[in-house]
Structures are given as structure tokens and as C-alpha cells.
Full PDB file with SEQRES, HELIX, SHEET, SSBOND, CRYST1, ORIGX, SCALE, CONECT and MASTER records, all heavy atoms in Angstrom:
SEQRES   1 A   41  GLY GLU GLN GLY LEU PHE ILE ARG SER LEU ASP GLY GLY          
SEQRES   2 A   41  LYS HIS PHE ASP LYS ILE ASP VAL GLY TYR PRO GLY SER          
SEQRES   3 A   41  LEU PHE THR LEU LEU THR PRO SER PRO ALA GLU VAL LEU          
SEQRES   4 A   41  VAL GLY                                                      
HELIX    1 AA1 GLU A    2  GLY A    4  5                                   3    
SHEET    1 AA1 2 ILE A   7  ARG A   8  0                                        
SHEET    2 AA1 2 ASP A  17  LYS A  18 -1                                        
SHEET    1 AA2 2 LEU A  30  LEU A  31  0                                        
SHEET    2 AA2 2 LEU A  39  VAL A  40 -1                                        
CRYST1    1.000    1.000    1.000  90.00  90.00  90.00 P 1           1          
ORIGX1      1.000000  0.000000  0.000000        0.00000                         
ORIGX2      0.000000  1.000000  0.000000        0.00000                         
ORIGX3      0.000000  0.000000  1.000000        0.00000                         
SCALE1      1.000000  0.000000  0.000000        0.00000                         
SCALE2      0.000000  1.000000  0.000000        0.00000                         
SCALE3      0.000000  0.000000  1.000000        0.00000                         
ATOM      1  N   GLY A   1       8.971   4.819  -3.016  1.00  0.00           N  
ATOM      2  CA  GLY A   1       8.225   4.345  -4.111  1.00  0.00           C  
ATOM      3  C   GLY A   1       7.443   3.088  -3.937  1.00  0.00           C  
ATOM      4  O   GLY A   1       6.967   2.712  -2.848  1.00  0.00           O  
ATOM      5  N   GLU A   2       7.401   2.341  -5.063  1.00  0.00           N  
ATOM      6  CA  GLU A   2       6.559   1.144  -5.109  1.00  0.00           C  
ATOM      7  C   GLU A   2       7.010   0.062  -4.237  1.00  0.00           C  
ATOM      8  O   GLU A   2       8.229  -0.168  -4.004  1.00  0.00           O  
ATOM      9  CB  GLU A   2       6.637   0.692  -6.622  1.00  0.00           C  
ATOM     10  CG  GLU A   2       5.730  -0.472  -7.004  1.00  0.00           C  
ATOM     11  CD  GLU A   2       5.976  -0.880  -8.451  1.00  0.00           C  
ATOM     12  OE1 GLU A   2       6.968  -0.509  -9.042  1.00  0.00           O  
ATOM     13  OE2 GLU A   2       5.091  -1.605  -8.930  1.00  0.00           O  
ATOM     14  N   GLN A   3       6.059  -0.679  -3.645  1.00  0.00           N  
ATOM     15  CA  GLN A   3       6.313  -1.875  -2.815  1.00  0.00           C  
ATOM     16  C   GLN A   3       7.290  -1.563  -1.708  1.00  0.00           C  
ATOM     17  O   GLN A   3       8.236  -2.396  -1.479  1.00  0.00           O  
ATOM     18  CB  GLN A   3       6.683  -3.056  -3.649  1.00  0.00           C  
ATOM     19  CG  GLN A   3       5.556  -3.544  -4.638  1.00  0.00           C  
ATOM     20  CD  GLN A   3       5.813  -4.888  -5.189  1.00  0.00           C  
ATOM     21  OE1 GLN A   3       6.636  -5.614  -4.740  1.00  0.00           O  
ATOM     22  NE2 GLN A   3       5.101  -5.129  -6.340  1.00  0.00           N  
ATOM     23  N   GLY A   4       7.134  -0.529  -1.016  1.00  0.00           N  
ATOM     24  CA  GLY A   4       7.967  -0.192   0.139  1.00  0.00           C  
ATOM     25  C   GLY A   4       9.326   0.303  -0.149  1.00  0.00           C  
ATOM     26  O   GLY A   4      10.196   0.386   0.696  1.00  0.00           O  
ATOM     27  N   LEU A   5       9.579   0.683  -1.420  1.00  0.00           N  
ATOM     28  CA  LEU A   5      10.819   1.215  -1.725  1.00  0.00           C  
ATOM     29  C   LEU A   5      11.264   2.499  -0.926  1.00  0.00           C  
ATOM     30  O   LEU A   5      10.523   3.383  -0.922  1.00  0.00           O  
ATOM     31  CB  LEU A   5      10.944   1.503  -3.293  1.00  0.00           C  
ATOM     32  CG  LEU A   5      12.286   2.116  -3.729  1.00  0.00           C  
ATOM     33  CD1 LEU A   5      13.375   0.994  -3.828  1.00  0.00           C  
ATOM     34  CD2 LEU A   5      12.117   2.777  -5.103  1.00  0.00           C  
ATOM     35  N   PHE A   6      12.380   2.418  -0.280  1.00  0.00           N  
ATOM     36  CA  PHE A   6      12.921   3.607   0.408  1.00  0.00           C  
ATOM     37  C   PHE A   6      14.412   3.643   0.250  1.00  0.00           C  
ATOM     38  O   PHE A   6      15.122   2.667   0.722  1.00  0.00           O  
ATOM     39  CB  PHE A   6      12.539   3.570   1.920  1.00  0.00           C  
ATOM     40  CG  PHE A   6      12.801   4.789   2.646  1.00  0.00           C  
ATOM     41  CD1 PHE A   6      11.902   5.852   2.646  1.00  0.00           C  
ATOM     42  CD2 PHE A   6      14.037   5.007   3.236  1.00  0.00           C  
ATOM     43  CE1 PHE A   6      12.254   7.058   3.299  1.00  0.00           C  
ATOM     44  CE2 PHE A   6      14.314   6.219   3.983  1.00  0.00           C  
ATOM     45  CZ  PHE A   6      13.431   7.226   3.946  1.00  0.00           C  
ATOM     46  N   ILE A   7      14.896   4.649  -0.343  1.00  0.00           N  
ATOM     47  CA  ILE A   7      16.373   4.798  -0.629  1.00  0.00           C  
ATOM     48  C   ILE A   7      16.811   6.069   0.039  1.00  0.00           C  
ATOM     49  O   ILE A   7      16.163   7.095  -0.017  1.00  0.00           O  
ATOM     50  CB  ILE A   7      16.596   4.870  -2.121  1.00  0.00           C  
ATOM     51  CG1 ILE A   7      16.218   3.513  -2.728  1.00  0.00           C  
ATOM     52  CG2 ILE A   7      18.113   5.163  -2.460  1.00  0.00           C  
ATOM     53  CD1 ILE A   7      16.286   3.488  -4.264  1.00  0.00           C  
ATOM     54  N   ARG A   8      18.008   6.002   0.647  1.00  0.00           N  
ATOM     55  CA  ARG A   8      18.591   7.138   1.429  1.00  0.00           C  
ATOM     56  C   ARG A   8      20.035   7.451   1.064  1.00  0.00           C  
ATOM     57  O   ARG A   8      20.771   6.540   0.767  1.00  0.00           O  
ATOM     58  CB  ARG A   8      18.469   6.736   2.907  1.00  0.00           C  
ATOM     59  CG  ARG A   8      19.132   7.742   3.930  1.00  0.00           C  
ATOM     60  CD  ARG A   8      19.326   7.070   5.210  1.00  0.00           C  
ATOM     61  NE  ARG A   8      20.328   6.054   5.237  1.00  0.00           N  
ATOM     62  CZ  ARG A   8      20.650   5.370   6.320  1.00  0.00           C  
ATOM     63  NH1 ARG A   8      20.068   5.526   7.407  1.00  0.00           N  
ATOM     64  NH2 ARG A   8      21.573   4.438   6.197  1.00  0.00           N  
ATOM     65  N   SER A   9      20.251   8.724   1.023  1.00  0.00           N  
ATOM     66  CA  SER A   9      21.627   9.234   0.928  1.00  0.00           C  
ATOM     67  C   SER A   9      21.923  10.184   2.041  1.00  0.00           C  
ATOM     68  O   SER A   9      21.084  11.100   2.257  1.00  0.00           O  
ATOM     69  CB  SER A   9      21.914   9.886  -0.444  1.00  0.00           C  
ATOM     70  OG  SER A   9      23.214  10.489  -0.439  1.00  0.00           O  
ATOM     71  N   LEU A  10      23.033  10.060   2.724  1.00  0.00           N  
ATOM     72  CA  LEU A  10      23.377  10.974   3.807  1.00  0.00           C  
ATOM     73  C   LEU A  10      24.540  11.915   3.467  1.00  0.00           C  
ATOM     74  O   LEU A  10      25.041  12.660   4.305  1.00  0.00           O  
ATOM     75  CB  LEU A  10      23.709  10.166   5.084  1.00  0.00           C  
ATOM     76  CG  LEU A  10      22.595   9.265   5.615  1.00  0.00           C  
ATOM     77  CD1 LEU A  10      23.078   8.573   6.904  1.00  0.00           C  
ATOM     78  CD2 LEU A  10      21.350  10.093   5.931  1.00  0.00           C  
ATOM     79  N   ASP A  11      24.901  11.874   2.177  1.00  0.00           N  
ATOM     80  CA  ASP A  11      25.991  12.752   1.661  1.00  0.00           C  
ATOM     81  C   ASP A  11      25.568  13.456   0.430  1.00  0.00           C  
ATOM     82  O   ASP A  11      26.328  13.788  -0.480  1.00  0.00           O  
ATOM     83  CB  ASP A  11      27.260  11.920   1.427  1.00  0.00           C  
ATOM     84  CG  ASP A  11      27.039  10.767   0.437  1.00  0.00           C  
ATOM     85  OD1 ASP A  11      25.902  10.737  -0.234  1.00  0.00           O  
ATOM     86  OD2 ASP A  11      27.967   9.945   0.286  1.00  0.00           O  
ATOM     87  N   GLY A  12      24.268  13.896   0.381  1.00  0.00           N  
ATOM     88  CA  GLY A  12      23.770  14.710  -0.677  1.00  0.00           C  
ATOM     89  C   GLY A  12      23.648  14.104  -2.066  1.00  0.00           C  
ATOM     90  O   GLY A  12      23.598  14.765  -3.024  1.00  0.00           O  
ATOM     91  N   GLY A  13      23.650  12.730  -2.082  1.00  0.00           N  
ATOM     92  CA  GLY A  13      23.425  12.040  -3.293  1.00  0.00           C  
ATOM     93  C   GLY A  13      24.622  11.403  -3.903  1.00  0.00           C  
ATOM     94  O   GLY A  13      24.575  10.944  -5.040  1.00  0.00           O  
ATOM     95  N   LYS A  14      25.730  11.314  -3.121  1.00  0.00           N  
ATOM     96  CA  LYS A  14      26.916  10.657  -3.649  1.00  0.00           C  
ATOM     97  C   LYS A  14      26.848   9.122  -3.528  1.00  0.00           C  
ATOM     98  O   LYS A  14      27.296   8.387  -4.366  1.00  0.00           O  
ATOM     99  CB  LYS A  14      28.173  11.184  -2.891  1.00  0.00           C  
ATOM    100  CG  LYS A  14      28.459  12.678  -3.136  1.00  0.00           C  
ATOM    101  CD  LYS A  14      29.666  13.120  -2.282  1.00  0.00           C  
ATOM    102  CE  LYS A  14      29.894  14.600  -2.483  1.00  0.00           C  
ATOM    103  NZ  LYS A  14      31.012  15.106  -1.667  1.00  0.00           N  
ATOM    104  N   HIS A  15      26.259   8.756  -2.400  1.00  0.00           N  
ATOM    105  CA  HIS A  15      26.108   7.257  -2.145  1.00  0.00           C  
ATOM    106  C   HIS A  15      24.667   7.032  -1.660  1.00  0.00           C  
ATOM    107  O   HIS A  15      24.088   7.860  -0.967  1.00  0.00           O  
ATOM    108  CB  HIS A  15      27.112   6.791  -1.092  1.00  0.00           C  
ATOM    109  CG  HIS A  15      28.505   7.074  -1.468  1.00  0.00           C  
ATOM    110  ND1 HIS A  15      29.142   8.208  -1.113  1.00  0.00           N  
ATOM    111  CD2 HIS A  15      29.426   6.371  -2.215  1.00  0.00           C  
ATOM    112  CE1 HIS A  15      30.388   8.185  -1.567  1.00  0.00           C  
ATOM    113  NE2 HIS A  15      30.593   7.097  -2.209  1.00  0.00           N  
ATOM    114  N   PHE A  16      24.132   5.864  -1.954  1.00  0.00           N  
ATOM    115  CA  PHE A  16      22.730   5.552  -1.638  1.00  0.00           C  
ATOM    116  C   PHE A  16      22.643   4.168  -0.947  1.00  0.00           C  
ATOM    117  O   PHE A  16      23.407   3.265  -1.330  1.00  0.00           O  
ATOM    118  CB  PHE A  16      21.847   5.538  -2.910  1.00  0.00           C  
ATOM    119  CG  PHE A  16      21.628   6.915  -3.483  1.00  0.00           C  
ATOM    120  CD1 PHE A  16      22.515   7.404  -4.427  1.00  0.00           C  
ATOM    121  CD2 PHE A  16      20.622   7.756  -3.062  1.00  0.00           C  
ATOM    122  CE1 PHE A  16      22.337   8.625  -5.038  1.00  0.00           C  
ATOM    123  CE2 PHE A  16      20.384   8.997  -3.667  1.00  0.00           C  
ATOM    124  CZ  PHE A  16      21.317   9.441  -4.653  1.00  0.00           C  
ATOM    125  N   ASP A  17      21.760   4.056  -0.016  1.00  0.00           N  
ATOM    126  CA  ASP A  17      21.406   2.821   0.640  1.00  0.00           C  
ATOM    127  C   ASP A  17      19.963   2.543   0.501  1.00  0.00           C  
ATOM    128  O   ASP A  17      19.110   3.428   0.608  1.00  0.00           O  
ATOM    129  CB  ASP A  17      21.785   2.844   2.174  1.00  0.00           C  
ATOM    130  CG  ASP A  17      23.237   3.162   2.350  1.00  0.00           C  
ATOM    131  OD1 ASP A  17      24.064   2.446   1.748  1.00  0.00           O  
ATOM    132  OD2 ASP A  17      23.572   4.095   3.158  1.00  0.00           O  
ATOM    133  N   LYS A  18      19.589   1.234   0.399  1.00  0.00           N  
ATOM    134  CA  LYS A  18      18.216   0.831   0.408  1.00  0.00           C  
ATOM    135  C   LYS A  18      17.856   0.472   1.816  1.00  0.00           C  
ATOM    136  O   LYS A  18      18.486  -0.309   2.491  1.00  0.00           O  
ATOM    137  CB  LYS A  18      18.004  -0.302  -0.568  1.00  0.00           C  
ATOM    138  CG  LYS A  18      16.517  -0.745  -0.746  1.00  0.00           C  
ATOM    139  CD  LYS A  18      16.360  -1.794  -1.780  1.00  0.00           C  
ATOM    140  CE  LYS A  18      14.916  -2.171  -2.058  1.00  0.00           C  
ATOM    141  NZ  LYS A  18      14.851  -3.224  -3.068  1.00  0.00           N  
ATOM    142  N   ILE A  19      16.730   1.029   2.346  1.00  0.00           N  
ATOM    143  CA  ILE A  19      16.306   0.856   3.736  1.00  0.00           C  
ATOM    144  C   ILE A  19      14.985   0.038   3.760  1.00  0.00           C  
ATOM    145  O   ILE A  19      14.087   0.333   3.033  1.00  0.00           O  
ATOM    146  CB  ILE A  19      16.139   2.210   4.453  1.00  0.00           C  
ATOM    147  CG1 ILE A  19      17.424   3.067   4.313  1.00  0.00           C  
ATOM    148  CG2 ILE A  19      15.755   1.999   5.907  1.00  0.00           C  
ATOM    149  CD1 ILE A  19      18.611   2.413   5.078  1.00  0.00           C  
ATOM    150  N   ASP A  20      14.952  -0.933   4.656  1.00  0.00           N  
ATOM    151  CA  ASP A  20      13.686  -1.619   4.911  1.00  0.00           C  
ATOM    152  C   ASP A  20      12.908  -0.887   5.970  1.00  0.00           C  
ATOM    153  O   ASP A  20      13.277  -0.771   7.150  1.00  0.00           O  
ATOM    154  CB  ASP A  20      13.982  -3.039   5.486  1.00  0.00           C  
ATOM    155  CG  ASP A  20      12.763  -3.888   5.646  1.00  0.00           C  
ATOM    156  OD1 ASP A  20      11.668  -3.416   5.450  1.00  0.00           O  
ATOM    157  OD2 ASP A  20      12.890  -5.082   6.067  1.00  0.00           O  
ATOM    158  N   VAL A  21      11.764  -0.303   5.600  1.00  0.00           N  
ATOM    159  CA  VAL A  21      10.983   0.478   6.468  1.00  0.00           C  
ATOM    160  C   VAL A  21       9.967  -0.355   7.279  1.00  0.00           C  
ATOM    161  O   VAL A  21       9.266   0.153   8.070  1.00  0.00           O  
ATOM    162  CB  VAL A  21      10.221   1.654   5.685  1.00  0.00           C  
ATOM    163  CG1 VAL A  21      11.118   2.535   4.985  1.00  0.00           C  
ATOM    164  CG2 VAL A  21       9.209   1.049   4.720  1.00  0.00           C  
ATOM    165  N   GLY A  22       9.913  -1.634   6.975  1.00  0.00           N  
ATOM    166  CA  GLY A  22       8.961  -2.529   7.691  1.00  0.00           C  
ATOM    167  C   GLY A  22       7.572  -2.547   7.158  1.00  0.00           C  
ATOM    168  O   GLY A  22       6.740  -3.052   7.796  1.00  0.00           O  
ATOM    169  N   TYR A  23       7.368  -1.981   5.940  1.00  0.00           N  
ATOM    170  CA  TYR A  23       6.068  -2.051   5.318  1.00  0.00           C  
ATOM    171  C   TYR A  23       6.252  -2.305   3.838  1.00  0.00           C  
ATOM    172  O   TYR A  23       6.973  -1.634   3.094  1.00  0.00           O  
ATOM    173  CB  TYR A  23       5.383  -0.645   5.489  1.00  0.00           C  
ATOM    174  CG  TYR A  23       4.070  -0.543   4.774  1.00  0.00           C  
ATOM    175  CD1 TYR A  23       2.916  -1.272   5.262  1.00  0.00           C  
ATOM    176  CD2 TYR A  23       3.863   0.315   3.678  1.00  0.00           C  
ATOM    177  CE1 TYR A  23       1.683  -1.178   4.634  1.00  0.00           C  
ATOM    178  CE2 TYR A  23       2.659   0.407   3.021  1.00  0.00           C  
ATOM    179  CZ  TYR A  23       1.584  -0.351   3.481  1.00  0.00           C  
ATOM    180  OH  TYR A  23       0.364  -0.227   2.843  1.00  0.00           O  
ATOM    181  N   PRO A  24       5.530  -3.343   3.267  1.00  0.00           N  
ATOM    182  CA  PRO A  24       5.729  -3.771   1.930  1.00  0.00           C  
ATOM    183  C   PRO A  24       4.865  -3.022   0.928  1.00  0.00           C  
ATOM    184  O   PRO A  24       4.963  -3.262  -0.325  1.00  0.00           O  
ATOM    185  CB  PRO A  24       5.327  -5.245   1.983  1.00  0.00           C  
ATOM    186  CG  PRO A  24       4.266  -5.315   2.963  1.00  0.00           C  
ATOM    187  CD  PRO A  24       4.667  -4.262   4.067  1.00  0.00           C  
ATOM    188  N   GLY A  25       3.951  -2.195   1.322  1.00  0.00           N  
ATOM    189  CA  GLY A  25       3.144  -1.465   0.441  1.00  0.00           C  
ATOM    190  C   GLY A  25       3.756  -0.214  -0.161  1.00  0.00           C  
ATOM    191  O   GLY A  25       4.853   0.251   0.312  1.00  0.00           O  
ATOM    192  N   SER A  26       3.209   0.298  -1.241  1.00  0.00           N  
ATOM    193  CA  SER A  26       3.723   1.468  -1.950  1.00  0.00           C  
ATOM    194  C   SER A  26       3.691   2.735  -1.082  1.00  0.00           C  
ATOM    195  O   SER A  26       2.763   2.889  -0.362  1.00  0.00           O  
ATOM    196  CB  SER A  26       3.106   1.695  -3.280  1.00  0.00           C  
ATOM    197  OG  SER A  26       3.349   0.645  -4.154  1.00  0.00           O  
ATOM    198  N   LEU A  27       4.790   3.561  -1.263  1.00  0.00           N  
ATOM    199  CA  LEU A  27       4.832   4.831  -0.525  1.00  0.00           C  
ATOM    200  C   LEU A  27       4.829   5.952  -1.472  1.00  0.00           C  
ATOM    201  O   LEU A  27       5.603   5.906  -2.442  1.00  0.00           O  
ATOM    202  CB  LEU A  27       6.201   4.804   0.305  1.00  0.00           C  
ATOM    203  CG  LEU A  27       6.361   3.673   1.223  1.00  0.00           C  
ATOM    204  CD1 LEU A  27       7.797   3.574   1.727  1.00  0.00           C  
ATOM    205  CD2 LEU A  27       5.347   3.697   2.357  1.00  0.00           C  
ATOM    206  N   PHE A  28       4.007   6.962  -1.221  1.00  0.00           N  
ATOM    207  CA  PHE A  28       3.745   8.037  -2.216  1.00  0.00           C  
ATOM    208  C   PHE A  28       4.155   9.406  -1.898  1.00  0.00           C  
ATOM    209  O   PHE A  28       4.205  10.269  -2.798  1.00  0.00           O  
ATOM    210  CB  PHE A  28       2.219   8.064  -2.490  1.00  0.00           C  
ATOM    211  CG  PHE A  28       1.549   6.742  -2.873  1.00  0.00           C  
ATOM    212  CD1 PHE A  28       0.344   6.365  -2.301  1.00  0.00           C  
ATOM    213  CD2 PHE A  28       2.189   5.871  -3.776  1.00  0.00           C  
ATOM    214  CE1 PHE A  28      -0.212   5.116  -2.673  1.00  0.00           C  
ATOM    215  CE2 PHE A  28       1.608   4.729  -4.146  1.00  0.00           C  
ATOM    216  CZ  PHE A  28       0.405   4.312  -3.568  1.00  0.00           C  
ATOM    217  N   THR A  29       4.433   9.660  -0.632  1.00  0.00           N  
ATOM    218  CA  THR A  29       4.797  11.056  -0.268  1.00  0.00           C  
ATOM    219  C   THR A  29       5.788  11.136   0.865  1.00  0.00           C  
ATOM    220  O   THR A  29       5.838  10.192   1.710  1.00  0.00           O  
ATOM    221  CB  THR A  29       3.484  11.857   0.098  1.00  0.00           C  
ATOM    222  OG1 THR A  29       3.775  13.254   0.240  1.00  0.00           O  
ATOM    223  CG2 THR A  29       2.857  11.298   1.388  1.00  0.00           C  
ATOM    224  N   LEU A  30       6.623  12.139   0.909  1.00  0.00           N  
ATOM    225  CA  LEU A  30       7.646  12.320   1.896  1.00  0.00           C  
ATOM    226  C   LEU A  30       7.693  13.730   2.486  1.00  0.00           C  
ATOM    227  O   LEU A  30       7.378  14.727   1.787  1.00  0.00           O  
ATOM    228  CB  LEU A  30       9.017  12.071   1.256  1.00  0.00           C  
ATOM    229  CG  LEU A  30       9.434  10.595   0.898  1.00  0.00           C  
ATOM    230  CD1 LEU A  30      10.553  10.657  -0.046  1.00  0.00           C  
ATOM    231  CD2 LEU A  30       9.722   9.823   2.180  1.00  0.00           C  
ATOM    232  N   LEU A  31       8.022  13.821   3.778  1.00  0.00           N  
ATOM    233  CA  LEU A  31       8.336  15.141   4.372  1.00  0.00           C  
ATOM    234  C   LEU A  31       9.645  14.926   5.160  1.00  0.00           C  
ATOM    235  O   LEU A  31       9.899  13.913   5.716  1.00  0.00           O  
ATOM    236  CB  LEU A  31       7.198  15.538   5.322  1.00  0.00           C  
ATOM    237  CG  LEU A  31       5.923  16.032   4.857  1.00  0.00           C  
ATOM    238  CD1 LEU A  31       4.967  16.336   5.999  1.00  0.00           C  
ATOM    239  CD2 LEU A  31       6.160  17.308   4.061  1.00  0.00           C  
ATOM    240  N   THR A  32      10.476  16.003   5.165  1.00  0.00           N  
ATOM    241  CA  THR A  32      11.690  15.984   5.953  1.00  0.00           C  
ATOM    242  C   THR A  32      11.808  17.286   6.714  1.00  0.00           C  
ATOM    243  O   THR A  32      12.437  18.223   6.336  1.00  0.00           O  
ATOM    244  CB  THR A  32      12.991  15.920   5.058  1.00  0.00           C  
ATOM    245  OG1 THR A  32      12.876  16.833   4.023  1.00  0.00           O  
ATOM    246  CG2 THR A  32      13.164  14.470   4.483  1.00  0.00           C  
ATOM    247  N   PRO A  33      11.152  17.294   7.892  1.00  0.00           N  
ATOM    248  CA  PRO A  33      11.125  18.499   8.735  1.00  0.00           C  
ATOM    249  C   PRO A  33      12.529  18.954   9.224  1.00  0.00           C  
ATOM    250  O   PRO A  33      12.841  20.093   9.431  1.00  0.00           O  
ATOM    251  CB  PRO A  33      10.321  18.091   9.984  1.00  0.00           C  
ATOM    252  CG  PRO A  33       9.411  16.971   9.462  1.00  0.00           C  
ATOM    253  CD  PRO A  33      10.299  16.233   8.510  1.00  0.00           C  
ATOM    254  N   SER A  34      13.405  17.925   9.289  1.00  0.00           N  
ATOM    255  CA  SER A  34      14.874  18.148   9.631  1.00  0.00           C  
ATOM    256  C   SER A  34      15.680  17.178   8.944  1.00  0.00           C  
ATOM    257  O   SER A  34      15.155  16.151   8.453  1.00  0.00           O  
ATOM    258  CB  SER A  34      15.022  18.083  11.185  1.00  0.00           C  
ATOM    259  OG  SER A  34      14.950  16.772  11.642  1.00  0.00           O  
ATOM    260  N   PRO A  35      16.989  17.331   8.856  1.00  0.00           N  
ATOM    261  CA  PRO A  35      17.823  16.307   8.199  1.00  0.00           C  
ATOM    262  C   PRO A  35      17.745  14.898   8.765  1.00  0.00           C  
ATOM    263  O   PRO A  35      17.863  13.946   8.033  1.00  0.00           O  
ATOM    264  CB  PRO A  35      19.276  16.848   8.354  1.00  0.00           C  
ATOM    265  CG  PRO A  35      19.090  18.335   8.472  1.00  0.00           C  
ATOM    266  CD  PRO A  35      17.829  18.501   9.206  1.00  0.00           C  
ATOM    267  N   ALA A  36      17.402  14.859  10.129  1.00  0.00           N  
ATOM    268  CA  ALA A  36      17.263  13.535  10.750  1.00  0.00           C  
ATOM    269  C   ALA A  36      15.960  12.943  10.733  1.00  0.00           C  
ATOM    270  O   ALA A  36      15.716  11.796  10.905  1.00  0.00           O  
ATOM    271  CB  ALA A  36      17.815  13.612  12.212  1.00  0.00           C  
ATOM    272  N   GLU A  37      14.887  13.807  10.592  1.00  0.00           N  
ATOM    273  CA  GLU A  37      13.496  13.348  10.657  1.00  0.00           C  
ATOM    274  C   GLU A  37      12.875  13.211   9.236  1.00  0.00           C  
ATOM    275  O   GLU A  37      13.014  14.053   8.396  1.00  0.00           O  
ATOM    276  CB  GLU A  37      12.695  14.325  11.451  1.00  0.00           C  
ATOM    277  CG  GLU A  37      11.223  13.905  11.748  1.00  0.00           C  
ATOM    278  CD  GLU A  37      10.424  14.863  12.568  1.00  0.00           C  
ATOM    279  OE1 GLU A  37      10.996  15.927  12.853  1.00  0.00           O  
ATOM    280  OE2 GLU A  37       9.361  14.584  12.975  1.00  0.00           O  
ATOM    281  N   VAL A  38      12.233  12.086   9.072  1.00  0.00           N  
ATOM    282  CA  VAL A  38      11.497  11.932   7.801  1.00  0.00           C  
ATOM    283  C   VAL A  38      10.159  11.188   8.048  1.00  0.00           C  
ATOM    284  O   VAL A  38      10.056  10.302   8.927  1.00  0.00           O  
ATOM    285  CB  VAL A  38      12.341  10.984   6.849  1.00  0.00           C  
ATOM    286  CG1 VAL A  38      12.695   9.684   7.423  1.00  0.00           C  
ATOM    287  CG2 VAL A  38      11.606  10.869   5.507  1.00  0.00           C  
ATOM    288  N   LEU A  39       9.087  11.725   7.378  1.00  0.00           N  
ATOM    289  CA  LEU A  39       7.768  11.188   7.437  1.00  0.00           C  
ATOM    290  C   LEU A  39       7.406  10.648   6.002  1.00  0.00           C  
ATOM    291  O   LEU A  39       7.630  11.378   4.997  1.00  0.00           O  
ATOM    292  CB  LEU A  39       6.786  12.235   7.868  1.00  0.00           C  
ATOM    293  CG  LEU A  39       6.912  12.703   9.345  1.00  0.00           C  
ATOM    294  CD1 LEU A  39       6.284  14.066   9.525  1.00  0.00           C  
ATOM    295  CD2 LEU A  39       6.293  11.720  10.345  1.00  0.00           C  
ATOM    296  N   VAL A  40       6.836   9.528   6.015  1.00  0.00           N  
ATOM    297  CA  VAL A  40       6.493   8.910   4.702  1.00  0.00           C  
ATOM    298  C   VAL A  40       5.101   8.335   4.730  1.00  0.00           C  
ATOM    299  O   VAL A  40       4.689   7.765   5.761  1.00  0.00           O  
ATOM    300  CB  VAL A  40       7.466   7.793   4.213  1.00  0.00           C  
ATOM    301  CG1 VAL A  40       7.598   6.725   5.330  1.00  0.00           C  
ATOM    302  CG2 VAL A  40       7.137   7.293   2.956  1.00  0.00           C  
ATOM    303  N   GLY A  41       4.267   8.651   3.702  1.00  0.00           N  
ATOM    304  CA  GLY A  41       2.876   8.184   3.645  1.00  0.00           C  
ATOM    305  C   GLY A  41       2.654   7.305   2.446  1.00  0.00           C  
ATOM    306  O   GLY A  41       3.308   7.468   1.400  1.00  0.00           O  
TER     307      GLY A  41                                                      
MASTER        0    0    0    1    4    0    0    6  306    1    0    4          
END                                                                             
């Protein structure tokens, strides 16, 4: 989301972590080709 927001859960939504993706601008779209791979635009 907004201003580089990136939140991750590795247990299906039971627990969440905030991740610094190294970019402070807003993020609008996501792809997950595999459980380990994620693309964000």
C-alpha cells in the first residue's frame, strides 16, 4: 500500500510482519507466482 507499505504473513494470516522493501513510494499491485516469489509494482 501507501508509502512503501508491505505486510507479510507466512502462516496464512495468523501472524503478520511489516517488511522494508527499500522503496518509500506507494505500491499498487502484487503478483505471487509461487509461495516464495512476490512481484510488486
